[in-house]
């Protein structure tokens, strides 16, 4: 990790800006290495990830790794894959699941951090909050439309639904997703990791 990247990560890990809004307190979950070729942009850590400090250390991570066609050892190699959620800390739970990521992380840290990841050739954009920020004006009316329009963002980015088991109904309704996108994603990931 470059000196400037390791310095920034140290600053991010010591951030307490949102402490008053975080029910479990701050615990930054981020994985970066300057040589990473794949960037995974998620929403924010869930409760289990907050407890372990390991990104996607849950059933969502199992599904995401399956979608990408990679094993845990590769997924957790920061020199191959960077994992930078929109919010670095667990935001708490609402009526229908986890709360949205705190906006302060993106406002303060996102551009600084992404500018220090020069080798990223593919950004895997997971969920609506990540898509809204990363795809900007090219983001569609809703998540389904954005994911369906994946070819517009390819080969630099690929929008995905959140791999949470809560999205099983979405996946059953949108069978085209696995048939149309995942084969291309797995091939691209394999090429980038060679």
C-alpha atoms as a PDB file:
ATOM      1  CA  UNK A   1       0.000   0.000   0.000  1.00  0.00           C
ATOM      2  CA  UNK A   2       1.388   3.392  -0.938  1.00  0.00           C
ATOM      3  CA  UNK A   3       2.292   5.776   1.879  1.00  0.00           C
ATOM      4  CA  UNK A   4      -0.455   8.236   0.958  1.00  0.00           C
ATOM      5  CA  UNK A   5      -3.067   5.451   0.751  1.00  0.00           C
ATOM      6  CA  UNK A   6      -2.049   3.910   4.075  1.00  0.00           C
ATOM      7  CA  UNK A   7      -2.107   7.383   5.677  1.00  0.00           C
ATOM      8  CA  UNK A   8      -5.617   8.043   4.344  1.00  0.00           C
ATOM      9  CA  UNK A   9      -6.881   4.626   5.478  1.00  0.00           C
ATOM     10  CA  UNK A  10      -5.484   5.341   8.949  1.00  0.00           C
ATOM     11  CA  UNK A  11      -7.397   8.656   8.995  1.00  0.00           C
ATOM     12  CA  UNK A  12     -10.586   6.931   7.827  1.00  0.00           C
ATOM     13  CA  UNK A  13     -10.258   4.211  10.478  1.00  0.00           C
ATOM     14  CA  UNK A  14      -9.953   6.847  13.208  1.00  0.00           C
ATOM     15  CA  UNK A  15     -12.935   8.896  11.965  1.00  0.00           C
ATOM     16  CA  UNK A  16     -15.584   9.602  14.606  1.00  0.00           C
ATOM     17  CA  UNK A  17     -17.641  12.173  12.692  1.00  0.00           C
ATOM     18  CA  UNK A  18     -20.900  10.165  12.820  1.00  0.00           C
ATOM     19  CA  UNK A  19     -20.509   8.662  16.293  1.00  0.00           C
ATOM     20  CA  UNK A  20     -23.695  10.245  17.650  1.00  0.00           C
ATOM     21  CA  UNK A  21     -25.744   8.609  14.853  1.00  0.00           C
ATOM     22  CA  UNK A  22     -24.229   5.110  15.068  1.00  0.00           C
ATOM     23  CA  UNK A  23     -26.034   2.789  17.508  1.00  0.00           C
ATOM     24  CA  UNK A  24     -23.006   0.508  17.906  1.00  0.00           C
ATOM     25  CA  UNK A  25     -20.407   3.253  17.594  1.00  0.00           C
ATOM     26  CA  UNK A  26     -17.876   3.700  14.803  1.00  0.00           C
ATOM     27  CA  UNK A  27     -16.095   0.708  13.306  1.00  0.00           C
ATOM     28  CA  UNK A  28     -14.775   1.408   9.849  1.00  0.00           C
ATOM     29  CA  UNK A  29     -14.915  -1.502   7.423  1.00  0.00           C
ATOM     30  CA  UNK A  30     -12.878  -0.942   4.270  1.00  0.00           C
ATOM     31  CA  UNK A  31     -10.377  -3.023   2.269  1.00  0.00           C
ATOM     32  CA  UNK A  32      -7.973  -1.299  -0.122  1.00  0.00           C
ATOM     33  CA  UNK A  33      -4.663  -1.864  -1.846  1.00  0.00           C
ATOM     34  CA  UNK A  34      -3.109   0.428  -4.446  1.00  0.00           C
ATOM     35  CA  UNK A  35      -2.738  -2.424  -6.947  1.00  0.00           C
ATOM     36  CA  UNK A  36      -6.385  -3.605  -6.754  1.00  0.00           C
ATOM     37  CA  UNK A  37      -7.968  -4.038 -10.196  1.00  0.00           C
ATOM     38  CA  UNK A  38     -11.521  -4.610  -8.974  1.00  0.00           C
ATOM     39  CA  UNK A  39     -13.451  -2.219  -6.761  1.00  0.00           C
ATOM     40  CA  UNK A  40     -16.568  -3.420  -4.970  1.00  0.00           C
ATOM     41  CA  UNK A  41     -18.821  -0.605  -3.848  1.00  0.00           C
ATOM     42  CA  UNK A  42     -21.482  -1.687  -1.391  1.00  0.00           C
ATOM     43  CA  UNK A  43     -23.946   0.124   0.834  1.00  0.00           C
ATOM     44  CA  UNK A  44     -22.686  -0.015   4.436  1.00  0.00           C
ATOM     45  CA  UNK A  45     -21.642  -2.792   6.803  1.00  0.00           C
ATOM     46  CA  UNK A  46     -24.427  -4.788   8.430  1.00  0.00           C
ATOM     47  CA  UNK A  47     -24.502  -5.739  12.101  1.00  0.00           C
ATOM     48  CA  UNK A  48     -22.556  -8.984  11.584  1.00  0.00           C
ATOM     49  CA  UNK A  49     -19.883  -7.249   9.528  1.00  0.00           C
ATOM     50  CA  UNK A  50     -19.651  -4.575  12.219  1.00  0.00           C
ATOM     51  CA  UNK A  51     -18.960  -7.306  14.768  1.00  0.00           C
ATOM     52  CA  UNK A  52     -16.250  -9.055  12.722  1.00  0.00           C
ATOM     53  CA  UNK A  53     -14.792  -6.025  10.931  1.00  0.00           C
ATOM     54  CA  UNK A  54     -14.595  -8.136   7.765  1.00  0.00           C
ATOM     55  CA  UNK A  55     -16.458  -6.801   4.698  1.00  0.00           C
ATOM     56  CA  UNK A  56     -19.184  -9.047   3.273  1.00  0.00           C
ATOM     57  CA  UNK A  57     -18.584 -11.609   6.027  1.00  0.00           C
ATOM     58  CA  UNK A  58     -22.181 -12.812   5.812  1.00  0.00           C
ATOM     59  CA  UNK A  59     -24.619 -14.589   3.443  1.00  0.00           C
ATOM     60  CA  UNK A  60     -24.586 -11.519   1.177  1.00  0.00           C
ATOM     61  CA  UNK A  61     -20.845 -11.966   0.770  1.00  0.00           C
ATOM     62  CA  UNK A  62     -21.246 -15.656  -0.015  1.00  0.00           C
ATOM     63  CA  UNK A  63     -23.672 -14.788  -2.795  1.00  0.00           C
ATOM     64  CA  UNK A  64     -21.528 -11.930  -4.132  1.00  0.00           C
ATOM     65  CA  UNK A  65     -18.464 -14.173  -4.299  1.00  0.00           C
ATOM     66  CA  UNK A  66     -20.549 -16.750  -6.152  1.00  0.00           C
ATOM     67  CA  UNK A  67     -21.756 -14.086  -8.605  1.00  0.00           C
ATOM     68  CA  UNK A  68     -18.137 -13.075  -9.225  1.00  0.00           C
ATOM     69  CA  UNK A  69     -16.888 -16.672  -9.428  1.00  0.00           C
ATOM     70  CA  UNK A  70     -14.162 -16.252  -6.798  1.00  0.00           C
ATOM     71  CA  UNK A  71     -13.162 -17.808  -3.496  1.00  0.00           C
ATOM     72  CA  UNK A  72     -12.722 -16.048  -0.154  1.00  0.00           C
ATOM     73  CA  UNK A  73      -8.913 -15.998  -0.411  1.00  0.00           C
ATOM     74  CA  UNK A  74      -9.089 -13.953  -3.612  1.00  0.00           C
ATOM     75  CA  UNK A  75     -11.975 -11.779  -2.412  1.00  0.00           C
ATOM     76  CA  UNK A  76     -10.057 -10.767   0.709  1.00  0.00           C
ATOM     77  CA  UNK A  77      -6.782 -10.040  -1.073  1.00  0.00           C
ATOM     78  CA  UNK A  78      -6.637  -6.238  -0.896  1.00  0.00           C
ATOM     79  CA  UNK A  79      -4.027  -6.205  -3.656  1.00  0.00           C
ATOM     80  CA  UNK A  80      -6.595  -7.687  -6.024  1.00  0.00           C
ATOM     81  CA  UNK A  81      -9.944  -6.437  -4.750  1.00  0.00           C
ATOM     82  CA  UNK A  82     -10.775  -3.180  -2.999  1.00  0.00           C
ATOM     83  CA  UNK A  83     -14.009  -3.055  -0.996  1.00  0.00           C
ATOM     84  CA  UNK A  84     -15.206   0.481  -0.304  1.00  0.00           C
ATOM     85  CA  UNK A  85     -18.800   0.793   0.918  1.00  0.00           C
ATOM     86  CA  UNK A  86     -20.723   4.063   0.635  1.00  0.00           C
ATOM     87  CA  UNK A  87     -20.806   4.234   4.436  1.00  0.00           C
ATOM     88  CA  UNK A  88     -17.885   2.756   6.362  1.00  0.00           C
ATOM     89  CA  UNK A  89     -19.771   2.015   9.587  1.00  0.00           C
ATOM     90  CA  UNK A  90     -22.967   0.133  10.482  1.00  0.00           C
ATOM     91  CA  UNK A  91     -25.736   2.773  10.332  1.00  0.00           C
ATOM     92  CA  UNK A  92     -28.280   0.913  12.458  1.00  0.00           C
ATOM     93  CA  UNK A  93     -31.508  -0.913  11.718  1.00  0.00           C
ATOM     94  CA  UNK A  94     -34.818   0.537  10.546  1.00  0.00           C
ATOM     95  CA  UNK A  95     -38.301  -0.920  10.014  1.00  0.00           C
ATOM     96  CA  UNK A  96     -37.407  -2.891   6.882  1.00  0.00           C
ATOM     97  CA  UNK A  97     -33.708  -3.596   7.315  1.00  0.00           C
ATOM     98  CA  UNK A  98     -30.511  -1.670   7.793  1.00  0.00           C
ATOM     99  CA  UNK A  99     -30.651   2.111   7.554  1.00  0.00           C
ATOM    100  CA  UNK A 100     -29.094   3.890   4.551  1.00  0.00           C
ATOM    101  CA  UNK A 101     -25.356   4.587   4.674  1.00  0.00           C
ATOM    102  CA  UNK A 102     -24.405   7.787   6.470  1.00  0.00           C
ATOM    103  CA  UNK A 103     -23.753  10.446   3.778  1.00  0.00           C
ATOM    104  CA  UNK A 104     -20.710  11.921   5.514  1.00  0.00           C
ATOM    105  CA  UNK A 105     -18.407   9.090   4.396  1.00  0.00           C
ATOM    106  CA  UNK A 106     -18.944   9.778   0.702  1.00  0.00           C
ATOM    107  CA  UNK A 107     -18.801  13.547   1.160  1.00  0.00           C
ATOM    108  CA  UNK A 108     -15.535  13.515   3.066  1.00  0.00           C
ATOM    109  CA  UNK A 109     -13.586  10.413   2.078  1.00  0.00           C
ATOM    110  CA  UNK A 110     -14.816   8.918  -1.203  1.00  0.00           C
ATOM    111  CA  UNK A 111     -13.025  10.993  -3.859  1.00  0.00           C
ATOM    112  CA  UNK A 112      -9.790  11.083  -1.851  1.00  0.00           C
ATOM    113  CA  UNK A 113      -9.796   7.300  -1.499  1.00  0.00           C
ATOM    114  CA  UNK A 114     -10.814   6.441  -5.060  1.00  0.00           C
ATOM    115  CA  UNK A 115      -8.129   8.760  -6.454  1.00  0.00           C
ATOM    116  CA  UNK A 116      -5.551   6.555  -4.735  1.00  0.00           C
ATOM    117  CA  UNK A 117      -6.795   3.395  -6.499  1.00  0.00           C
ATOM    118  CA  UNK A 118      -5.359   3.979 -10.011  1.00  0.00           C
ATOM    119  CA  UNK A 119      -5.431   0.360 -11.200  1.00  0.00           C
ATOM    120  CA  UNK A 120      -9.166  -0.262 -10.850  1.00  0.00           C
ATOM    121  CA  UNK A 121     -10.465  -1.596 -14.165  1.00  0.00           C
ATOM    122  CA  UNK A 122     -13.885  -2.792 -12.979  1.00  0.00           C
ATOM    123  CA  UNK A 123     -16.206  -1.281 -10.384  1.00  0.00           C
ATOM    124  CA  UNK A 124     -18.905  -3.616  -9.081  1.00  0.00           C
ATOM    125  CA  UNK A 125     -21.660  -1.253  -7.946  1.00  0.00           C
ATOM    126  CA  UNK A 126     -23.893  -3.024  -5.428  1.00  0.00           C
ATOM    127  CA  UNK A 127     -27.296  -1.577  -4.515  1.00  0.00           C
ATOM    128  CA  UNK A 128     -29.171   1.649  -5.072  1.00  0.00           C
ATOM    129  CA  UNK A 129     -27.119   3.985  -2.847  1.00  0.00           C
ATOM    130  CA  UNK A 130     -23.866   2.954  -4.490  1.00  0.00           C
ATOM    131  CA  UNK A 131     -25.437   3.198  -7.946  1.00  0.00           C
ATOM    132  CA  UNK A 132     -26.804   6.651  -7.264  1.00  0.00           C
ATOM    133  CA  UNK A 133     -23.359   7.977  -6.348  1.00  0.00           C
ATOM    134  CA  UNK A 134     -21.182   6.040  -8.801  1.00  0.00           C
ATOM    135  CA  UNK A 135     -23.408   6.146 -11.869  1.00  0.00           C
ATOM    136  CA  UNK A 136     -24.647   9.683 -11.298  1.00  0.00           C
ATOM    137  CA  UNK A 137     -26.898  11.050 -14.019  1.00  0.00           C
ATOM    138  CA  UNK A 138     -26.687   7.817 -16.006  1.00  0.00           C
ATOM    139  CA  UNK A 139     -28.395   5.993 -13.112  1.00  0.00           C
ATOM    140  CA  UNK A 140     -31.907   4.945 -14.132  1.00  0.00           C
ATOM    141  CA  UNK A 141     -35.292   5.494 -12.476  1.00  0.00           C
ATOM    142  CA  UNK A 142     -34.930   2.478 -10.158  1.00  0.00           C
ATOM    143  CA  UNK A 143     -32.543  -0.350  -9.323  1.00  0.00           C
ATOM    144  CA  UNK A 144     -34.152  -2.839 -11.707  1.00  0.00           C
ATOM    145  CA  UNK A 145     -33.865  -0.452 -14.660  1.00  0.00           C
ATOM    146  CA  UNK A 146     -30.269   0.364 -13.760  1.00  0.00           C
ATOM    147  CA  UNK A 147     -29.251  -3.290 -13.508  1.00  0.00           C
ATOM    148  CA  UNK A 148     -31.112  -4.101 -16.737  1.00  0.00           C
ATOM    149  CA  UNK A 149     -29.126  -1.338 -18.496  1.00  0.00           C
ATOM    150  CA  UNK A 150     -25.808  -2.855 -17.373  1.00  0.00           C
ATOM    151  CA  UNK A 151     -24.323  -2.786 -20.909  1.00  0.00           C
ATOM    152  CA  UNK A 152     -24.364   1.027 -20.793  1.00  0.00           C
ATOM    153  CA  UNK A 153     -21.823   0.935 -17.946  1.00  0.00           C
ATOM    154  CA  UNK A 154     -19.808  -2.078 -19.113  1.00  0.00           C
ATOM    155  CA  UNK A 155     -16.848  -2.792 -19.179  1.00  0.00           C
ATOM    156  CA  UNK A 156     -15.756  -0.190 -16.561  1.00  0.00           C
ATOM    157  CA  UNK A 157     -18.671  -0.785 -14.166  1.00  0.00           C
ATOM    158  CA  UNK A 158     -21.451  -3.256 -13.537  1.00  0.00           C
ATOM    159  CA  UNK A 159     -24.510  -2.434 -11.419  1.00  0.00           C
ATOM    160  CA  UNK A 160     -25.834  -5.293  -9.289  1.00  0.00           C
ATOM    161  CA  UNK A 161     -28.728  -5.697  -6.873  1.00  0.00           C
ATOM    162  CA  UNK A 162     -27.699  -6.200  -3.287  1.00  0.00           C
ATOM    163  CA  UNK A 163     -26.849  -9.903  -2.814  1.00  0.00           C
ATOM    164  CA  UNK A 164     -28.750 -10.053   0.477  1.00  0.00           C
ATOM    165  CA  UNK A 165     -31.146 -12.956   1.068  1.00  0.00           C
ATOM    166  CA  UNK A 166     -33.777 -10.197   1.468  1.00  0.00           C
ATOM    167  CA  UNK A 167     -33.552  -9.831  -2.321  1.00  0.00           C
ATOM    168  CA  UNK A 168     -34.520 -13.433  -3.117  1.00  0.00           C
ATOM    169  CA  UNK A 169     -37.929 -12.241  -4.337  1.00  0.00           C
ATOM    170  CA  UNK A 170     -36.281  -9.701  -6.680  1.00  0.00           C
ATOM    171  CA  UNK A 171     -33.984 -12.417  -8.037  1.00  0.00           C
ATOM    172  CA  UNK A 172     -36.931 -14.763  -8.670  1.00  0.00           C
ATOM    173  CA  UNK A 173     -38.828 -12.004 -10.502  1.00  0.00           C
ATOM    174  CA  UNK A 174     -35.790 -11.011 -12.574  1.00  0.00           C
ATOM    175  CA  UNK A 175     -34.369 -14.317 -13.788  1.00  0.00           C
ATOM    176  CA  UNK A 176     -32.698 -12.492 -16.698  1.00  0.00           C
ATOM    177  CA  UNK A 177     -30.191 -11.054 -14.192  1.00  0.00           C
ATOM    178  CA  UNK A 178     -28.282 -14.271 -13.605  1.00  0.00           C
ATOM    179  CA  UNK A 179     -28.589 -15.461 -17.199  1.00  0.00           C
ATOM    180  CA  UNK A 180     -27.595 -12.173 -18.808  1.00  0.00           C
ATOM    181  CA  UNK A 181     -25.049 -10.553 -16.505  1.00  0.00           C
ATOM    182  CA  UNK A 182     -23.227 -13.060 -14.324  1.00  0.00           C
ATOM    183  CA  UNK A 183     -21.476 -14.959 -17.128  1.00  0.00           C
ATOM    184  CA  UNK A 184     -19.929 -11.684 -18.346  1.00  0.00           C
ATOM    185  CA  UNK A 185     -19.030 -10.635 -14.812  1.00  0.00           C
ATOM    186  CA  UNK A 186     -17.278 -13.932 -14.043  1.00  0.00           C
ATOM    187  CA  UNK A 187     -15.277 -13.797 -17.288  1.00  0.00           C
ATOM    188  CA  UNK A 188     -14.183 -10.210 -16.684  1.00  0.00           C
ATOM    189  CA  UNK A 189     -13.189 -10.943 -13.075  1.00  0.00           C
ATOM    190  CA  UNK A 190     -11.174 -13.980 -14.168  1.00  0.00           C
ATOM    191  CA  UNK A 191      -9.298 -11.958 -16.808  1.00  0.00           C
ATOM    192  CA  UNK A 192      -8.523  -9.109 -14.409  1.00  0.00           C
ATOM    193  CA  UNK A 193      -7.217 -11.454 -11.736  1.00  0.00           C
ATOM    194  CA  UNK A 194      -4.869 -13.403 -14.020  1.00  0.00           C
END
